[in-house]
Amino acid sequence: MKKFNVILCAAMIPLFSFPFFFRILQNSQQQNPIIIDHLCTDIDQIPEQWIVKAKDDFRIAYGHTSHGSQIISGMEVLFSLSELYTFNHDGSDGALSLHNRVPSGDLGNPNRTEWYYRTRNLLNDPECDRNLIMWSWCGQVSGASINDINTYLNLMNQLELEFPQVLFVYMTGHLNGTGEEGNLHQRNNQIREFCRINNKVLFDFADIESYDPDGNYFLDKYADDHCNYDSDGNGTRDANWAEEWVAANPGKCSFCSCAHSHSLNCDLKGRAFWWMMARLAGWDGETCDYNRDGYVDRLDLIKKQEDVFQELEDWKRDCWNPMDDCADINSDGVVDSIDLQEKQKQVSQKLRDWMESCGFQKKGRIKR
């Protein structure tokens, strides 16, 4: 297969060990956005330890209606193929705990604000043990105004302020066939820009629907949520990119029941979900096939070593030699040999962490 690119209730905090709580708090104060899009569906690239860690760390409540169920359908496909991707209601037997359709409704049903109040009610319930919340749209982004989306973004941000120990996942709305110039795309871009600027977690529902697994782009061909698109520019959606890809890649699609869409669309969203969970658990998103040649081998280790130590040389050139402020690695107000030693440690640790996560031994051979 071609490669692709928490809600802890305040009343429950004393029940958890300090290290766990601190880990979640660190995640909620992330320094960079986590954007889950069409480049995040090749789950073979995810070190298994991060999937396991995600199942251990998170307990999810996911509010959605029909379109949002596409993620769940894709997750069910993976569950049927491997016990690594197990999920259930209570997290028993090492599975991810996911409360499906909890709270009820979606981001626009019954209106554009009720989801906020239902989320607050959930979080304030002394019996709540959720530590990650997702909400999806149905078709409400299509007709949304700038102010409507600002309402959504402001309310999500307000929840994050009210519950700083919680992770919240933002989401774009599904495609509707109006293309790049349509209101839907503009409003989705409004959500994307906010998430990038403010370091949010975004599951980019629409972007995943805009590409096939080979990276071919269809939004400019007026693709819709069924994966239909206009193949010849005559204004009629006369082809389906999912059907075409499946026909060209037999045996690589599940043919699951997928609300409003093709099963391939659900497959991709289920994979993207686990990519997101691995990132939230601490995976940096770097793949083991570092040189992107289709193999994980010594060449990847060599390339990784070159790039990591080039980072050190670049820092020396740009920061250490001119003694700029960026050379003060330990932020003690003084640029000295301690900063150089600290930078060297950081670079070496980065390489060691990558080697460990990818199964390399110290000599550079692969364990698996």
Protein backbone atom coordinates (compact mmCIF):
# COMPACT_ATOMS: atom_id res chain seq x y z
CA MET A 1 0.00 0.00 0.00
CA LYS A 2 1.25 3.44 -0.83
CA LYS A 3 2.38 5.52 2.15
CA PHE A 4 0.44 8.60 3.37
CA ASN A 5 1.67 11.10 4.96
CA VAL A 6 -8.53 14.47 27.10
CA ILE A 7 -11.51 14.74 28.88
CA LEU A 8 -10.53 14.35 32.56
CA CYS A 9 -13.38 15.55 34.75
CA ALA A 10 -12.15 17.94 37.43
CA ALA A 11 -13.89 15.96 40.13
CA MET A 12 -12.06 12.79 39.10
CA ILE A 13 -8.48 14.13 39.13
CA PRO A 14 -7.65 12.72 42.59
CA LEU A 15 -8.36 9.21 41.28
CA PHE A 16 -5.43 9.34 38.88
CA SER A 17 -1.74 9.19 39.66
CA PHE A 18 0.16 12.46 39.36
CA PRO A 19 2.39 11.26 36.50
CA PHE A 20 -0.68 10.42 34.38
CA PHE A 21 -2.33 13.74 35.11
CA PHE A 22 0.86 15.63 34.37
CA ARG A 23 1.27 13.81 31.05
CA ILE A 24 -2.24 14.81 29.95
CA LEU A 25 -1.68 18.38 31.12
CA GLN A 26 1.48 18.55 29.06
CA ASN A 27 -0.44 17.38 25.99
CA SER A 28 -3.12 20.03 26.49
CA GLN A 29 -0.41 22.70 26.38
CA GLN A 30 1.16 21.49 23.14
CA GLN A 31 3.48 23.88 21.38
CA ASN A 32 2.48 22.98 17.82
CA PRO A 33 -0.75 22.13 16.03
CA ILE A 34 -1.56 18.51 15.24
CA ILE A 35 -3.26 18.40 11.85
CA ILE A 36 -4.65 15.04 10.78
CA ASP A 37 -5.28 15.01 7.03
CA HIS A 38 -4.85 12.83 3.94
CA LEU A 39 -1.13 12.45 4.68
CA CYS A 40 -1.95 10.64 7.92
CA THR A 41 -3.51 7.36 6.78
CA ASP A 42 -0.60 4.94 6.35
CA ILE A 43 -0.81 3.36 9.79
CA ASP A 44 1.91 0.85 8.94
CA GLN A 45 4.29 3.74 9.61
CA ILE A 46 3.16 4.11 13.24
CA PRO A 47 5.34 2.30 15.81
CA GLU A 48 2.98 -0.07 17.63
CA GLN A 49 4.06 1.20 21.04
CA TRP A 50 2.26 4.49 20.38
CA ILE A 51 -1.01 2.76 19.55
CA VAL A 52 -0.75 0.78 22.78
CA LYS A 53 0.09 3.93 24.73
CA ALA A 54 -2.87 5.77 23.23
CA LYS A 55 -5.20 2.99 24.33
CA ASP A 56 -3.74 3.20 27.82
CA ASP A 57 -3.83 6.99 28.09
CA PHE A 58 -7.15 8.10 26.63
CA ARG A 59 -10.85 7.63 27.26
CA ILE A 60 -12.90 9.22 24.51
CA ALA A 61 -16.38 10.68 24.20
CA TYR A 62 -17.34 11.21 20.55
CA GLY A 63 -20.49 13.14 19.66
CA HIS A 64 -21.68 12.65 16.09
CA THR A 65 -24.54 11.71 13.78
CA SER A 66 -24.39 9.91 10.43
CA HIS A 67 -21.39 11.47 8.69
CA GLY A 68 -19.34 11.27 11.87
CA SER A 69 -19.96 7.53 12.00
CA GLN A 70 -17.56 7.14 9.05
CA ILE A 71 -14.65 7.29 11.50
CA ILE A 72 -16.22 4.58 13.65
CA SER A 73 -16.87 2.37 10.60
CA GLY A 74 -13.22 2.66 9.59
CA MET A 75 -12.12 1.85 13.13
CA GLU A 76 -14.31 -1.25 13.11
CA VAL A 77 -12.59 -2.44 9.93
CA LEU A 78 -9.18 -2.16 11.57
CA PHE A 79 -10.48 -3.83 14.73
CA SER A 80 -11.61 -6.80 12.62
CA LEU A 81 -8.13 -7.10 11.11
CA SER A 82 -5.94 -6.68 14.19
CA GLU A 83 -6.30 -6.74 17.96
CA LEU A 84 -3.88 -3.82 18.06
CA TYR A 85 -6.80 -1.54 17.12
CA THR A 86 -9.31 -2.78 19.68
CA PHE A 87 -11.83 -0.36 21.14
CA ASN A 88 -14.96 -0.75 23.21
CA HIS A 89 -17.11 1.18 25.64
CA ASP A 90 -15.24 0.64 28.90
CA GLY A 91 -11.68 0.00 27.72
CA SER A 92 -11.62 -3.57 29.02
CA ASP A 93 -9.00 -6.09 27.90
CA GLY A 94 -6.55 -3.40 26.84
CA ALA A 95 -8.92 -1.75 24.35
CA LEU A 96 -9.36 1.96 23.78
CA SER A 97 -12.36 3.23 25.72
CA LEU A 98 -14.70 5.12 23.40
CA HIS A 99 -18.21 6.29 24.25
CA ASN A 100 -19.81 6.43 20.83
CA ARG A 101 -22.44 9.14 20.15
CA VAL A 102 -21.80 10.62 23.60
CA PRO A 103 -22.96 13.30 24.03
CA SER A 104 -25.84 12.99 21.56
CA GLY A 105 -26.22 15.25 18.53
CA ASP A 106 -23.47 16.87 16.49
CA LEU A 107 -21.91 20.30 16.03
CA GLY A 108 -25.02 21.63 14.29
CA ASN A 109 -27.77 19.42 15.69
CA PRO A 110 -30.13 20.45 17.27
CA ASN A 111 -28.47 23.87 16.84
CA ARG A 112 -24.97 25.37 16.70
CA THR A 113 -24.43 25.71 20.46
CA GLU A 114 -26.17 22.82 22.24
CA TRP A 115 -23.09 20.59 21.86
CA TYR A 116 -21.18 23.04 24.06
CA TYR A 117 -23.65 22.78 26.92
CA ARG A 118 -23.85 19.01 26.60
CA THR A 119 -20.07 18.82 26.79
CA ARG A 120 -19.97 20.97 29.92
CA ASN A 121 -22.65 18.83 31.53
CA LEU A 122 -20.64 15.73 30.75
CA LEU A 123 -17.43 17.15 32.16
CA ASN A 124 -19.09 18.38 35.32
CA ASP A 125 -20.64 14.99 36.07
CA PRO A 126 -18.77 13.48 39.06
CA GLU A 127 -19.06 10.05 37.42
CA CYS A 128 -17.37 11.16 34.21
CA ASP A 129 -14.03 9.51 33.39
CA ARG A 130 -13.56 10.80 29.83
CA ASN A 131 -10.31 12.55 28.96
CA LEU A 132 -10.65 13.29 25.23
CA ILE A 133 -13.63 14.81 23.41
CA MET A 134 -14.43 14.83 19.70
CA TRP A 135 -17.42 16.36 17.95
CA SER A 136 -18.13 16.09 14.23
CA TRP A 137 -20.31 18.02 11.83
CA CYS A 138 -22.99 16.61 9.60
CA GLY A 139 -23.67 19.05 6.74
CA GLN A 140 -23.83 22.28 8.74
CA VAL A 141 -20.52 23.79 7.61
CA SER A 142 -21.90 24.06 4.07
CA GLY A 143 -24.33 26.82 5.00
CA ALA A 144 -22.32 28.34 7.83
CA SER A 145 -21.38 31.99 7.95
CA ILE A 146 -18.07 33.39 9.17
CA ASN A 147 -19.82 34.21 12.45
CA ASP A 148 -21.21 30.68 12.73
CA ILE A 149 -17.73 29.19 12.50
CA ASN A 150 -16.38 31.80 14.90
CA THR A 151 -19.05 30.69 17.35
CA TYR A 152 -17.85 27.10 17.02
CA LEU A 153 -14.20 28.04 17.42
CA ASN A 154 -14.84 30.35 20.36
CA LEU A 155 -16.91 27.75 22.20
CA MET A 156 -14.30 25.05 21.65
CA ASN A 157 -11.62 27.39 22.91
CA GLN A 158 -13.80 28.26 25.91
CA LEU A 159 -14.08 24.59 26.81
CA GLU A 160 -10.31 24.30 26.66
CA LEU A 161 -10.00 27.24 29.04
CA GLU A 162 -12.62 25.84 31.40
CA PHE A 163 -11.05 22.37 31.39
CA PRO A 164 -7.30 22.89 30.81
CA GLN A 165 -6.52 19.26 31.61
CA VAL A 166 -8.65 18.09 28.68
CA LEU A 167 -7.84 17.47 25.01
CA PHE A 168 -10.44 18.57 22.46
CA VAL A 169 -10.38 17.61 18.78
CA TYR A 170 -11.55 20.17 16.21
CA MET A 171 -13.04 19.02 12.89
CA THR A 172 -13.81 20.29 9.40
CA GLY A 173 -17.07 19.58 7.58
CA HIS A 174 -17.51 16.95 4.86
CA LEU A 175 -17.35 17.81 1.15
CA ASN A 176 -20.51 18.86 -0.69
CA GLY A 177 -19.42 19.24 -4.32
CA THR A 178 -18.96 23.03 -4.32
CA GLY A 179 -15.23 22.88 -4.97
CA GLU A 180 -12.47 25.26 -4.00
CA GLU A 181 -14.54 28.37 -4.50
CA GLY A 182 -17.49 27.19 -2.44
CA ASN A 183 -18.49 28.48 0.98
CA LEU A 184 -17.78 25.08 2.53
CA HIS A 185 -14.10 25.22 1.53
CA GLN A 186 -13.79 28.79 2.79
CA ARG A 187 -15.29 27.91 6.16
CA ASN A 188 -13.15 24.79 6.44
CA ASN A 189 -10.11 26.96 5.75
CA GLN A 190 -11.29 29.26 8.52
CA ILE A 191 -11.22 26.30 10.92
CA ARG A 192 -7.81 25.16 9.62
CA GLU A 193 -6.24 28.58 10.01
CA PHE A 194 -7.51 28.92 13.57
CA CYS A 195 -6.15 25.49 14.51
CA ARG A 196 -2.75 26.13 12.97
CA ILE A 197 -2.32 29.55 14.55
CA ASN A 198 -3.52 28.45 17.97
CA ASN A 199 -1.86 25.00 18.15
CA LYS A 200 -5.06 22.94 18.20
CA VAL A 201 -5.74 19.32 17.30
CA LEU A 202 -7.62 19.14 14.00
CA PHE A 203 -9.12 16.07 12.34
CA ASP A 204 -9.44 17.40 8.79
CA PHE A 205 -12.47 15.40 7.64
CA ALA A 206 -12.74 17.30 4.36
CA ASP A 207 -9.09 17.03 3.39
CA ILE A 208 -9.17 13.24 3.74
CA GLU A 209 -12.12 13.18 1.29
CA SER A 210 -10.23 15.38 -1.18
CA TYR A 211 -7.50 12.86 -2.08
CA ASP A 212 -7.29 9.23 -3.07
CA PRO A 213 -4.65 7.02 -1.36
CA ASP A 214 -2.17 7.76 -4.15
CA GLY A 215 -2.36 11.49 -3.41
CA ASN A 216 -4.47 12.50 -6.42
CA TYR A 217 -6.46 15.65 -5.66
CA PHE A 218 -10.21 15.96 -6.38
CA LEU A 219 -11.51 19.06 -4.59
CA ASP A 220 -10.81 21.14 -7.69
CA LYS A 221 -13.00 18.65 -9.56
CA TYR A 222 -15.95 19.34 -7.25
CA ALA A 223 -15.69 16.10 -5.28
CA ASP A 224 -18.51 15.42 -2.82
CA ASP A 225 -18.89 13.27 0.28
CA HIS A 226 -19.76 10.22 -1.86
CA CYS A 227 -16.32 10.55 -3.57
CA ASN A 228 -18.01 11.54 -6.83
CA TYR A 229 -16.23 14.14 -8.97
CA ASP A 230 -16.38 15.90 -12.33
CA SER A 231 -13.85 14.09 -14.52
CA ASP A 232 -14.10 16.22 -17.65
CA GLY A 233 -15.00 19.70 -16.41
CA ASN A 234 -18.49 19.74 -17.92
CA GLY A 235 -20.21 20.52 -14.61
CA THR A 236 -21.46 16.99 -13.93
CA ARG A 237 -19.98 14.60 -11.39
CA ASP A 238 -19.61 11.57 -13.62
CA ALA A 239 -16.88 9.56 -11.87
CA ASN A 240 -16.00 8.27 -8.41
CA TRP A 241 -12.39 8.38 -7.25
CA ALA A 242 -12.91 5.69 -4.59
CA GLU A 243 -14.39 3.22 -7.08
CA GLU A 244 -11.60 3.94 -9.52
CA TRP A 245 -8.88 3.42 -6.91
CA VAL A 246 -10.44 0.19 -5.64
CA ALA A 247 -10.70 -1.17 -9.18
CA ALA A 248 -7.00 -0.42 -9.71
CA ASN A 249 -6.01 -1.85 -6.31
CA PRO A 250 -8.02 -5.04 -5.75
CA GLY A 251 -8.09 -6.41 -2.23
CA LYS A 252 -7.11 -3.15 -0.55
CA CYS A 253 -10.57 -1.88 0.43
CA SER A 254 -12.86 -3.28 3.10
CA PHE A 255 -16.27 -2.81 1.43
CA CYS A 256 -17.73 -1.92 4.83
CA SER A 257 -21.00 -0.08 5.36
CA CYS A 258 -20.04 3.61 5.16
CA ALA A 259 -22.72 6.25 5.77
CA HIS A 260 -23.24 8.57 2.77
CA SER A 261 -20.03 7.40 1.13
CA HIS A 262 -17.77 4.69 -0.26
CA SER A 263 -16.14 2.21 2.11
CA LEU A 264 -12.67 3.44 1.11
CA ASN A 265 -13.53 6.83 2.60
CA CYS A 266 -14.37 5.17 5.92
CA ASP A 267 -11.20 3.06 5.76
CA LEU A 268 -9.06 6.18 5.36
CA LYS A 269 -10.76 8.01 8.22
CA GLY A 270 -10.38 5.05 10.56
CA ARG A 271 -6.67 4.94 9.81
CA ALA A 272 -6.33 8.69 10.25
CA PHE A 273 -8.02 8.38 13.64
CA TRP A 274 -5.33 6.02 14.92
CA TRP A 275 -2.60 8.23 13.47
CA MET A 276 -4.12 11.08 15.50
CA MET A 277 -4.24 8.96 18.66
CA ALA A 278 -0.58 7.98 18.27
CA ARG A 279 0.37 11.65 17.88
CA LEU A 280 -1.63 12.58 20.97
CA ALA A 281 0.09 9.78 22.90
CA GLY A 282 3.46 11.33 22.12
CA TRP A 283 4.58 10.02 18.73
CA ASP A 284 6.29 12.80 16.79
CA GLY A 285 4.93 11.59 13.46
CA GLU A 286 8.32 10.68 12.06
CA THR A 287 8.15 7.44 10.11
CA CYS A 288 10.70 4.67 10.25
CA ASP A 289 11.03 4.63 6.45
CA TYR A 290 12.99 7.85 6.78
CA ASN A 291 14.28 8.00 3.22
CA ARG A 292 10.86 7.03 1.80
CA ASP A 293 12.17 4.22 -0.40
CA GLY A 294 9.57 1.70 0.75
CA TYR A 295 11.91 -0.19 3.11
CA VAL A 296 12.98 0.20 6.73
CA ASP A 297 16.69 -0.64 6.77
CA ARG A 298 20.19 0.67 7.50
CA LEU A 299 19.84 3.32 4.82
CA ASP A 300 17.12 4.94 6.91
CA LEU A 301 19.41 4.97 9.94
CA ILE A 302 22.23 6.51 7.93
CA LYS A 303 19.94 9.22 6.56
CA LYS A 304 18.50 9.92 9.99
CA GLN A 305 21.98 10.23 11.51
CA GLU A 306 23.05 12.62 8.77
CA ASP A 307 20.03 14.87 9.28
CA VAL A 308 20.19 14.86 13.08
CA PHE A 309 23.85 15.80 13.18
CA GLN A 310 23.37 18.33 10.42
CA GLU A 311 20.88 19.97 12.77
CA LEU A 312 23.71 20.31 15.29
CA GLU A 313 26.06 21.79 12.68
CA ASP A 314 23.41 24.27 11.56
CA TRP A 315 22.85 25.34 15.17
CA LYS A 316 26.58 25.87 15.64
CA ARG A 317 26.75 27.98 12.50
CA ASP A 318 23.64 30.06 13.13
CA CYS A 319 23.66 30.30 16.94
CA TRP A 320 26.80 29.07 18.66
CA ASN A 321 29.54 30.68 16.57
CA PRO A 322 27.95 34.16 16.51
CA MET A 323 26.89 33.65 20.16
CA ASP A 324 23.31 34.70 19.39
CA ASP A 325 20.46 34.42 21.87
CA CYS A 326 19.34 31.18 20.22
CA ALA A 327 22.52 29.57 21.54
CA ASP A 328 21.28 29.89 25.13
CA ILE A 329 19.81 26.40 25.17
CA ASN A 330 19.34 26.19 28.93
CA SER A 331 17.85 29.71 29.12
CA ASP A 332 20.13 30.83 31.94
CA GLY A 333 20.99 34.13 30.24
CA VAL A 334 24.56 33.06 29.47
CA VAL A 335 25.92 31.44 26.31
CA ASP A 336 28.68 29.05 27.33
CA SER A 337 29.98 25.49 26.94
CA ILE A 338 27.08 24.16 28.99
CA ASP A 339 24.71 25.20 26.18
CA LEU A 340 26.85 23.37 23.63
CA GLN A 341 26.82 20.24 25.78
CA GLU A 342 23.06 20.50 26.24
CA LYS A 343 22.49 20.85 22.48
CA GLN A 344 24.69 17.82 21.83
CA LYS A 345 22.67 15.83 24.36
CA GLN A 346 19.41 16.89 22.72
CA VAL A 347 20.58 15.82 19.29
CA SER A 348 21.88 12.49 20.54
CA GLN A 349 18.67 11.82 22.46
CA LYS A 350 16.58 12.58 19.39
CA LEU A 351 18.50 9.94 17.44
CA ARG A 352 18.26 7.38 20.27
CA ASP A 353 14.51 7.92 20.62
CA TRP A 354 13.98 7.43 16.90
CA MET A 355 16.11 4.28 16.85
CA GLU A 356 14.21 2.82 19.79
CA SER A 357 10.77 3.59 18.36
CA CYS A 358 11.70 2.09 15.00
CA GLY A 359 13.27 -1.10 16.34
CA PHE A 360 16.92 -0.39 15.56
CA GLN A 361 19.60 -1.90 17.75
CA LYS A 362 22.60 0.16 18.77
CA LYS A 363 24.56 -1.20 15.83
CA GLY A 364 21.87 -0.06 13.45
CA ARG A 365 20.33 -3.41 12.69
CA ILE A 366 16.60 -3.96 12.79
CA LYS A 367 15.09 -6.04 15.59
CA ARG A 368 11.98 -7.06 13.71
